[in-house]
Amino acid sequence: MNQDSFIPVEMNARSRNDLVERGFSRQPLRVDVEIARTLEALSHAAWSVPRDKYYAGGDRYRSLNRLRAEIVEGGAKVWPTDESAPYVQLEKYNTTLGGQPREYAPLPQAITGDTNIDIGIRKLIAYHLRYLPLSKVGTKYLVNLHVIRFTATPGRPCDTSPPGLHKDGEKYIATHLLSRCGVQGGEVIITDNDKCEIDRFTMRELGECYIFDDERIWHMLTPVAVLEGNEYAYRDTLAFDMLPEGWEPRK
């Protein structure tokens, strides 16, 4: 990614209002040519993402790139960082892998270094950051970019870690569908903090997305399994953890 980091973007008022009122939003993504190319490229990149060696409950694959961002007048600045601290979730949030430092390889430079992919990634991040309730001029963020693949074969579904309703211990998380093929399940369920259901849906279109404030909701993905008659299934997503500078999860 290059260092020309400013991305002009208008705020999506509907998404901000959703996050303020209920901690969750599911609005259509604003797609242009660079964003469309980026989503398509990342859907292909999912085939080369390394297997998640920390996850034994199915066959899952995962990458991790880190970026920094700052809200400025008229948009956001987004730039890459070479920070390489392991990814860690508190045990409070991830009862199966919490407290364990996990290291995931970044997407190859051949992908992120492509000018079209670079601008598309930064546009996606700036778009989401601009409408966050905590965003005002000068607010800085760490952004974790994950490409995650869940795969399944007959008798071997793939589930989240931890399974069932949970929180991730991040602040804001935006998830986009990259690909879905041969899948049964993979339904997203969102509840409030009293675990009363707000929404449930199955993402099917490239780029389809949702975002939530992790402190305000519980969420889950039903296990990804193969449709009857299939020998293989996969569901690929692009996710952004957006962490305001100085913010820490509740311990």
C-alpha atoms as a PDB file:
ATOM      1  CA  MET A   1       0.000   0.000   0.000  1.00  0.00           C
ATOM      2  CA  ASN A   2       1.304   3.449  -0.828  1.00  0.00           C
ATOM      3  CA  GLN A   3       1.655   6.424   1.458  1.00  0.00           C
ATOM      4  CA  ASP A   4      -0.833   8.744  -0.312  1.00  0.00           C
ATOM      5  CA  SER A   5      -3.160   8.028   2.547  1.00  0.00           C
ATOM      6  CA  PHE A   6      -6.059  10.523   2.317  1.00  0.00           C
ATOM      7  CA  ILE A   7      -9.423   9.092   1.240  1.00  0.00           C
ATOM      8  CA  PRO A   8     -12.306  11.554   0.764  1.00  0.00           C
ATOM      9  CA  VAL A   9     -15.602  10.041   1.937  1.00  0.00           C
ATOM     10  CA  GLU A  10     -19.056  11.183   2.986  1.00  0.00           C
ATOM     11  CA  MET A  11     -20.567   9.904   6.207  1.00  0.00           C
ATOM     12  CA  ASN A  12     -23.314   7.275   5.934  1.00  0.00           C
ATOM     13  CA  ALA A  13     -25.826   8.820   8.343  1.00  0.00           C
ATOM     14  CA  ARG A  14     -28.116   5.778   8.358  1.00  0.00           C
ATOM     15  CA  SER A  15     -25.308   3.497   9.520  1.00  0.00           C
ATOM     16  CA  ARG A  16     -24.256   5.943  12.231  1.00  0.00           C
ATOM     17  CA  ASN A  17     -27.842   6.255  13.462  1.00  0.00           C
ATOM     18  CA  ASP A  18     -28.213   2.464  13.531  1.00  0.00           C
ATOM     19  CA  LEU A  19     -25.048   2.093  15.604  1.00  0.00           C
ATOM     20  CA  VAL A  20     -26.130   4.798  18.031  1.00  0.00           C
ATOM     21  CA  GLU A  21     -29.663   3.445  18.428  1.00  0.00           C
ATOM     22  CA  ARG A  22     -29.066  -0.317  18.532  1.00  0.00           C
ATOM     23  CA  GLY A  23     -25.339  -1.007  18.167  1.00  0.00           C
ATOM     24  CA  PHE A  24     -25.738  -2.749  14.809  1.00  0.00           C
ATOM     25  CA  SER A  25     -26.177  -1.770  11.158  1.00  0.00           C
ATOM     26  CA  ARG A  26     -26.750  -3.608   7.926  1.00  0.00           C
ATOM     27  CA  GLN A  27     -26.788  -1.086   5.086  1.00  0.00           C
ATOM     28  CA  PRO A  28     -25.906  -1.711   1.420  1.00  0.00           C
ATOM     29  CA  LEU A  29     -22.234  -1.157   0.630  1.00  0.00           C
ATOM     30  CA  ARG A  30     -21.422   1.809  -1.612  1.00  0.00           C
ATOM     31  CA  VAL A  31     -19.479   0.138  -4.431  1.00  0.00           C
ATOM     32  CA  ASP A  32     -17.286   1.743  -7.084  1.00  0.00           C
ATOM     33  CA  VAL A  33     -14.807   0.216  -9.543  1.00  0.00           C
ATOM     34  CA  GLU A  34     -11.859   0.083  -7.087  1.00  0.00           C
ATOM     35  CA  ILE A  35     -13.971  -1.463  -4.332  1.00  0.00           C
ATOM     36  CA  ALA A  36     -15.486  -4.001  -6.726  1.00  0.00           C
ATOM     37  CA  ARG A  37     -12.029  -5.001  -8.004  1.00  0.00           C
ATOM     38  CA  THR A  38     -10.736  -5.281  -4.443  1.00  0.00           C
ATOM     39  CA  LEU A  39     -13.553  -7.539  -3.298  1.00  0.00           C
ATOM     40  CA  GLU A  40     -13.063  -9.771  -6.329  1.00  0.00           C
ATOM     41  CA  ALA A  41      -9.286  -9.940  -5.797  1.00  0.00           C
ATOM     42  CA  LEU A  42      -9.662 -10.797  -2.109  1.00  0.00           C
ATOM     43  CA  SER A  43     -12.177 -13.521  -2.932  1.00  0.00           C
ATOM     44  CA  HIS A  44      -9.481 -15.145  -5.091  1.00  0.00           C
ATOM     45  CA  ALA A  45      -6.816 -14.506  -2.434  1.00  0.00           C
ATOM     46  CA  ALA A  46      -8.826 -16.563   0.068  1.00  0.00           C
ATOM     47  CA  TRP A  47      -7.712 -19.701  -1.800  1.00  0.00           C
ATOM     48  CA  SER A  48      -4.085 -19.076  -0.765  1.00  0.00           C
ATOM     49  CA  VAL A  49      -4.653 -17.964   2.849  1.00  0.00           C
ATOM     50  CA  PRO A  50      -2.823 -20.298   5.296  1.00  0.00           C
ATOM     51  CA  ARG A  51      -4.750 -22.709   7.474  1.00  0.00           C
ATOM     52  CA  ASP A  52      -5.624 -21.469  10.965  1.00  0.00           C
ATOM     53  CA  LYS A  53      -3.398 -23.730  13.036  1.00  0.00           C
ATOM     54  CA  TYR A  54      -5.065 -22.675  16.281  1.00  0.00           C
ATOM     55  CA  TYR A  55      -8.493 -23.966  15.302  1.00  0.00           C
ATOM     56  CA  ALA A  56      -9.234 -27.697  15.520  1.00  0.00           C
ATOM     57  CA  GLY A  57     -13.031 -27.716  15.200  1.00  0.00           C
ATOM     58  CA  GLY A  58     -13.050 -27.742  11.395  1.00  0.00           C
ATOM     59  CA  ASP A  59     -10.942 -26.430   8.533  1.00  0.00           C
ATOM     60  CA  ARG A  60     -10.530 -22.682   8.790  1.00  0.00           C
ATOM     61  CA  TYR A  61      -8.044 -20.319   7.106  1.00  0.00           C
ATOM     62  CA  ARG A  62      -7.060 -16.818   8.132  1.00  0.00           C
ATOM     63  CA  SER A  63      -4.760 -13.872   7.336  1.00  0.00           C
ATOM     64  CA  LEU A  64      -4.061 -10.646   9.247  1.00  0.00           C
ATOM     65  CA  ASN A  65      -2.889  -7.257   8.032  1.00  0.00           C
ATOM     66  CA  ARG A  66      -2.653  -4.210  10.287  1.00  0.00           C
ATOM     67  CA  LEU A  67      -3.288  -0.616   9.285  1.00  0.00           C
ATOM     68  CA  ARG A  68      -3.523   2.752  11.001  1.00  0.00           C
ATOM     69  CA  ALA A  69      -6.068   5.455  10.304  1.00  0.00           C
ATOM     70  CA  GLU A  70      -7.054   8.956  11.352  1.00  0.00           C
ATOM     71  CA  ILE A  71     -10.290  10.862  10.826  1.00  0.00           C
ATOM     72  CA  VAL A  72      -9.669  14.179   9.051  1.00  0.00           C
ATOM     73  CA  GLU A  73     -11.833  16.872   7.489  1.00  0.00           C
ATOM     74  CA  GLY A  74     -13.752  15.371   4.569  1.00  0.00           C
ATOM     75  CA  GLY A  75     -12.613  11.795   5.038  1.00  0.00           C
ATOM     76  CA  ALA A  76      -9.900   9.674   6.589  1.00  0.00           C
ATOM     77  CA  LYS A  77      -6.222   8.904   6.230  1.00  0.00           C
ATOM     78  CA  VAL A  78      -5.452   5.172   6.054  1.00  0.00           C
ATOM     79  CA  TRP A  79      -1.954   3.733   5.821  1.00  0.00           C
ATOM     80  CA  PRO A  80      -0.181   0.387   6.361  1.00  0.00           C
ATOM     81  CA  THR A  81       1.878  -0.426   9.428  1.00  0.00           C
ATOM     82  CA  ASP A  82       4.526  -3.074   9.960  1.00  0.00           C
ATOM     83  CA  GLU A  83       3.312  -3.763  13.494  1.00  0.00           C
ATOM     84  CA  SER A  84       3.413  -7.518  14.040  1.00  0.00           C
ATOM     85  CA  ALA A  85       2.216  -8.128  17.594  1.00  0.00           C
ATOM     86  CA  PRO A  86       0.292 -11.421  17.859  1.00  0.00           C
ATOM     87  CA  TYR A  87      -3.492 -11.337  17.782  1.00  0.00           C
ATOM     88  CA  VAL A  88      -4.846 -11.910  21.305  1.00  0.00           C
ATOM     89  CA  GLN A  89      -8.391 -12.092  22.670  1.00  0.00           C
ATOM     90  CA  LEU A  90      -9.154 -12.081  26.383  1.00  0.00           C
ATOM     91  CA  GLU A  91     -10.361 -15.399  27.791  1.00  0.00           C
ATOM     92  CA  LYS A  92     -13.505 -13.569  28.881  1.00  0.00           C
ATOM     93  CA  TYR A  93     -14.456 -13.210  25.217  1.00  0.00           C
ATOM     94  CA  ASN A  94     -12.944 -16.315  23.645  1.00  0.00           C
ATOM     95  CA  THR A  95     -13.276 -19.211  26.065  1.00  0.00           C
ATOM     96  CA  THR A  96     -11.513 -21.638  23.718  1.00  0.00           C
ATOM     97  CA  LEU A  97      -8.574 -19.558  22.436  1.00  0.00           C
ATOM     98  CA  GLY A  98      -8.589 -16.542  24.763  1.00  0.00           C
ATOM     99  CA  GLY A  99      -5.254 -15.447  26.197  1.00  0.00           C
ATOM    100  CA  GLN A 100      -3.329 -17.341  23.542  1.00  0.00           C
ATOM    101  CA  PRO A 101      -1.100 -15.203  21.275  1.00  0.00           C
ATOM    102  CA  ARG A 102      -1.970 -16.121  17.692  1.00  0.00           C
ATOM    103  CA  GLU A 103       0.140 -15.254  14.676  1.00  0.00           C
ATOM    104  CA  TYR A 104      -1.387 -15.069  11.198  1.00  0.00           C
ATOM    105  CA  ALA A 105       0.462 -14.337   7.971  1.00  0.00           C
ATOM    106  CA  PRO A 106      -0.462 -11.121   6.142  1.00  0.00           C
ATOM    107  CA  LEU A 107      -1.847 -11.123   2.634  1.00  0.00           C
ATOM    108  CA  PRO A 108       1.013 -11.204   0.114  1.00  0.00           C
ATOM    109  CA  GLN A 109       2.516  -7.927  -1.049  1.00  0.00           C
ATOM    110  CA  ALA A 110       1.593  -8.958  -4.586  1.00  0.00           C
ATOM    111  CA  ILE A 111      -2.032  -8.394  -3.551  1.00  0.00           C
ATOM    112  CA  THR A 112      -1.896  -5.440  -1.150  1.00  0.00           C
ATOM    113  CA  GLY A 113       0.783  -3.719  -3.219  1.00  0.00           C
ATOM    114  CA  ASP A 114      -1.413  -3.614  -6.314  1.00  0.00           C
ATOM    115  CA  THR A 115      -2.507   0.010  -6.769  1.00  0.00           C
ATOM    116  CA  ASN A 116      -6.144  -0.865  -7.460  1.00  0.00           C
ATOM    117  CA  ILE A 117      -6.361  -3.212  -4.455  1.00  0.00           C
ATOM    118  CA  ASP A 118      -4.567  -0.690  -2.235  1.00  0.00           C
ATOM    119  CA  ILE A 119      -7.033   2.093  -2.974  1.00  0.00           C
ATOM    120  CA  GLY A 120     -10.001  -0.276  -2.692  1.00  0.00           C
ATOM    121  CA  ILE A 121      -8.947  -1.509   0.751  1.00  0.00           C
ATOM    122  CA  ARG A 122      -8.378   2.035   1.993  1.00  0.00           C
ATOM    123  CA  LYS A 123     -11.726   3.171   0.584  1.00  0.00           C
ATOM    124  CA  LEU A 124     -13.536   0.350   2.394  1.00  0.00           C
ATOM    125  CA  ILE A 125     -11.838   1.182   5.690  1.00  0.00           C
ATOM    126  CA  ALA A 126     -12.387   4.937   5.348  1.00  0.00           C
ATOM    127  CA  TYR A 127     -16.053   4.381   4.459  1.00  0.00           C
ATOM    128  CA  HIS A 128     -16.694   2.454   7.687  1.00  0.00           C
ATOM    129  CA  LEU A 129     -14.545   4.645   9.928  1.00  0.00           C
ATOM    130  CA  ARG A 130     -16.222   7.853   8.788  1.00  0.00           C
ATOM    131  CA  TYR A 131     -19.647   6.951  10.216  1.00  0.00           C
ATOM    132  CA  LEU A 132     -18.564   5.392  13.517  1.00  0.00           C
ATOM    133  CA  PRO A 133     -20.119   7.198  16.526  1.00  0.00           C
ATOM    134  CA  LEU A 134     -16.674   7.736  18.081  1.00  0.00           C
ATOM    135  CA  SER A 135     -15.225   9.266  14.915  1.00  0.00           C
ATOM    136  CA  LYS A 136     -14.468  12.962  14.954  1.00  0.00           C
ATOM    137  CA  VAL A 137     -11.629  14.909  13.391  1.00  0.00           C
ATOM    138  CA  GLY A 138      -8.405  13.724  15.003  1.00  0.00           C
ATOM    139  CA  THR A 139      -9.664  10.297  16.151  1.00  0.00           C
ATOM    140  CA  LYS A 140      -7.062   7.610  15.396  1.00  0.00           C
ATOM    141  CA  TYR A 141      -7.622   3.896  14.883  1.00  0.00           C
ATOM    142  CA  LEU A 142      -5.787   0.594  14.640  1.00  0.00           C
ATOM    143  CA  VAL A 143      -7.473  -1.508  11.972  1.00  0.00           C
ATOM    144  CA  ASN A 144      -7.025  -5.269  11.748  1.00  0.00           C
ATOM    145  CA  LEU A 145      -7.845  -6.648   8.300  1.00  0.00           C
ATOM    146  CA  HIS A 146      -8.750 -10.338   8.237  1.00  0.00           C
ATOM    147  CA  VAL A 147      -9.558 -12.612   5.310  1.00  0.00           C
ATOM    148  CA  ILE A 148     -11.231 -15.682   6.817  1.00  0.00           C
ATOM    149  CA  ARG A 149     -12.312 -18.899   5.098  1.00  0.00           C
ATOM    150  CA  PHE A 150     -14.568 -21.531   6.663  1.00  0.00           C
ATOM    151  CA  THR A 151     -14.587 -24.841   4.781  1.00  0.00           C
ATOM    152  CA  ALA A 152     -16.649 -27.978   5.299  1.00  0.00           C
ATOM    153  CA  THR A 153     -16.778 -31.558   4.058  1.00  0.00           C
ATOM    154  CA  PRO A 154     -19.400 -34.238   4.759  1.00  0.00           C
ATOM    155  CA  GLY A 155     -19.424 -34.935   8.493  1.00  0.00           C
ATOM    156  CA  ARG A 156     -16.939 -32.125   9.207  1.00  0.00           C
ATOM    157  CA  PRO A 157     -18.646 -28.734   9.548  1.00  0.00           C
ATOM    158  CA  CYS A 158     -16.783 -25.575  10.559  1.00  0.00           C
ATOM    159  CA  ASP A 159     -17.898 -23.406  13.474  1.00  0.00           C
ATOM    160  CA  THR A 160     -16.763 -20.152  15.049  1.00  0.00           C
ATOM    161  CA  SER A 161     -14.409 -19.950  18.009  1.00  0.00           C
ATOM    162  CA  PRO A 162     -16.007 -19.737  20.498  1.00  0.00           C
ATOM    163  CA  PRO A 163     -19.188 -21.313  19.115  1.00  0.00           C
ATOM    164  CA  GLY A 164     -22.637 -19.849  19.745  1.00  0.00           C
ATOM    165  CA  LEU A 165     -23.467 -16.327  20.878  1.00  0.00           C
ATOM    166  CA  HIS A 166     -20.337 -14.445  21.877  1.00  0.00           C
ATOM    167  CA  LYS A 167     -18.436 -11.165  21.869  1.00  0.00           C
ATOM    168  CA  ASP A 168     -15.006 -10.670  20.306  1.00  0.00           C
ATOM    169  CA  GLY A 169     -13.543  -8.064  22.657  1.00  0.00           C
ATOM    170  CA  GLU A 170     -12.980  -5.566  19.818  1.00  0.00           C
ATOM    171  CA  LYS A 171     -14.786  -2.212  19.534  1.00  0.00           C
ATOM    172  CA  TYR A 172     -16.290  -2.089  16.055  1.00  0.00           C
ATOM    173  CA  ILE A 173     -16.290  -5.012  13.595  1.00  0.00           C
ATOM    174  CA  ALA A 174     -17.379  -4.840   9.962  1.00  0.00           C
ATOM    175  CA  THR A 175     -17.730  -8.057   7.970  1.00  0.00           C
ATOM    176  CA  HIS A 176     -18.127  -8.436   4.196  1.00  0.00           C
ATOM    177  CA  LEU A 177     -18.979 -11.592   2.272  1.00  0.00           C
ATOM    178  CA  LEU A 178     -16.374 -12.513  -0.336  1.00  0.00           C
ATOM    179  CA  SER A 179     -17.623 -15.932  -1.464  1.00  0.00           C
ATOM    180  CA  ARG A 180     -20.123 -18.622  -0.548  1.00  0.00           C
ATOM    181  CA  CYS A 181     -20.328 -21.970  -2.319  1.00  0.00           C
ATOM    182  CA  GLY A 182     -22.071 -25.256  -1.541  1.00  0.00           C
ATOM    183  CA  VAL A 183     -22.918 -24.105   1.982  1.00  0.00           C
ATOM    184  CA  GLN A 184     -25.689 -25.095   4.319  1.00  0.00           C
ATOM    185  CA  GLY A 185     -25.845 -22.856   7.410  1.00  0.00           C
ATOM    186  CA  GLY A 186     -23.590 -19.835   7.850  1.00  0.00           C
ATOM    187  CA  GLU A 187     -26.472 -17.712   9.150  1.00  0.00           C
ATOM    188  CA  VAL A 188     -25.607 -14.557  11.117  1.00  0.00           C
ATOM    189  CA  ILE A 189     -27.580 -13.953  14.321  1.00  0.00           C
ATOM    190  CA  ILE A 190     -27.453 -10.627  16.200  1.00  0.00           C
ATOM    191  CA  THR A 191     -28.920 -10.009  19.675  1.00  0.00           C
ATOM    192  CA  ASP A 192     -28.862  -7.160  22.172  1.00  0.00           C
ATOM    193  CA  ASN A 193     -27.046  -7.479  25.493  1.00  0.00           C
ATOM    194  CA  ASP A 194     -30.111  -9.159  26.997  1.00  0.00           C
ATOM    195  CA  LYS A 195     -29.766 -11.760  24.210  1.00  0.00           C
ATOM    196  CA  CYS A 196     -33.059 -10.719  22.620  1.00  0.00           C
ATOM    197  CA  GLU A 197     -32.734 -11.268  18.881  1.00  0.00           C
ATOM    198  CA  ILE A 198     -32.373  -8.142  16.717  1.00  0.00           C
ATOM    199  CA  ASP A 199     -31.788  -9.748  13.338  1.00  0.00           C
ATOM    200  CA  ARG A 200     -30.785 -12.933  11.549  1.00  0.00           C
ATOM    201  CA  PHE A 201     -29.738 -13.223   7.917  1.00  0.00           C
ATOM    202  CA  THR A 202     -27.617 -15.131   5.426  1.00  0.00           C
ATOM    203  CA  MET A 203     -25.188 -13.098   3.318  1.00  0.00           C
ATOM    204  CA  ARG A 204     -25.130 -14.215  -0.316  1.00  0.00           C
ATOM    205  CA  GLU A 205     -23.817 -11.331  -2.469  1.00  0.00           C
ATOM    206  CA  LEU A 206     -20.186 -10.301  -2.913  1.00  0.00           C
ATOM    207  CA  GLY A 207     -19.540  -7.282  -0.663  1.00  0.00           C
ATOM    208  CA  GLU A 208     -22.715  -7.687   1.415  1.00  0.00           C
ATOM    209  CA  CYS A 209     -21.842  -6.484   4.898  1.00  0.00           C
ATOM    210  CA  TYR A 210     -22.848  -5.665   8.445  1.00  0.00           C
ATOM    211  CA  ILE A 211     -21.173  -3.810  11.310  1.00  0.00           C
ATOM    212  CA  PHE A 212     -21.639  -3.802  15.069  1.00  0.00           C
ATOM    213  CA  ASP A 213     -20.419  -2.291  18.295  1.00  0.00           C
ATOM    214  CA  ASP A 214     -19.134  -5.332  20.198  1.00  0.00           C
ATOM    215  CA  GLU A 215     -19.957  -3.761  23.574  1.00  0.00           C
ATOM    216  CA  ARG A 216     -23.611  -3.352  22.570  1.00  0.00           C
ATOM    217  CA  ILE A 217     -24.518  -6.706  21.013  1.00  0.00           C
ATOM    218  CA  TRP A 218     -23.937 -10.476  21.019  1.00  0.00           C
ATOM    219  CA  HIS A 219     -23.465 -12.281  17.726  1.00  0.00           C
ATOM    220  CA  MET A 220     -22.944 -15.713  16.224  1.00  0.00           C
ATOM    221  CA  LEU A 221     -22.564 -17.547  12.945  1.00  0.00           C
ATOM    222  CA  THR A 222     -24.294 -20.903  12.647  1.00  0.00           C
ATOM    223  CA  PRO A 223     -21.897 -23.708  11.603  1.00  0.00           C
ATOM    224  CA  VAL A 224     -20.882 -23.854   7.962  1.00  0.00           C
ATOM    225  CA  ALA A 225     -21.766 -27.293   6.583  1.00  0.00           C
ATOM    226  CA  VAL A 226     -22.098 -28.826   3.109  1.00  0.00           C
ATOM    227  CA  LEU A 227     -25.385 -28.982   1.266  1.00  0.00           C
ATOM    228  CA  GLU A 228     -26.624 -32.533   0.771  1.00  0.00           C
ATOM    229  CA  GLY A 229     -24.894 -34.138  -2.188  1.00  0.00           C
ATOM    230  CA  ASN A 230     -21.852 -31.872  -2.041  1.00  0.00           C
ATOM    231  CA  GLU A 231     -18.329 -32.941  -1.117  1.00  0.00           C
ATOM    232  CA  TYR A 232     -16.999 -29.484  -0.254  1.00  0.00           C
ATOM    233  CA  ALA A 233     -18.280 -26.065   0.802  1.00  0.00           C
ATOM    234  CA  TYR A 234     -16.701 -22.744   1.717  1.00  0.00           C
ATOM    235  CA  ARG A 235     -17.644 -19.311   3.034  1.00  0.00           C
ATOM    236  CA  ASP A 236     -15.101 -16.480   2.772  1.00  0.00           C
ATOM    237  CA  THR A 237     -15.288 -13.113   4.501  1.00  0.00           C
ATOM    238  CA  LEU A 238     -13.329  -9.881   4.802  1.00  0.00           C
ATOM    239  CA  ALA A 239     -13.469  -8.422   8.314  1.00  0.00           C
ATOM    240  CA  PHE A 240     -12.173  -5.178   9.824  1.00  0.00           C
ATOM    241  CA  ASP A 241     -11.601  -4.735  13.568  1.00  0.00           C
ATOM    242  CA  MET A 242     -11.630  -0.969  14.162  1.00  0.00           C
ATOM    243  CA  LEU A 243     -10.053  -0.032  17.484  1.00  0.00           C
ATOM    244  CA  PRO A 244      -9.923   3.629  18.586  1.00  0.00           C
ATOM    245  CA  GLU A 245      -6.532   4.688  19.926  1.00  0.00           C
ATOM    246  CA  GLY A 246      -6.503   4.274  23.714  1.00  0.00           C
ATOM    247  CA  TRP A 247      -9.561   2.032  23.774  1.00  0.00           C
ATOM    248  CA  GLU A 248      -9.382  -1.280  25.667  1.00  0.00           C
ATOM    249  CA  PRO A 249     -11.976  -4.067  26.025  1.00  0.00           C
ATOM    250  CA  ARG A 250     -13.736  -4.472  29.332  1.00  0.00           C
ATOM    251  CA  LYS A 251     -11.875  -6.980  31.487  1.00  0.00           C
END
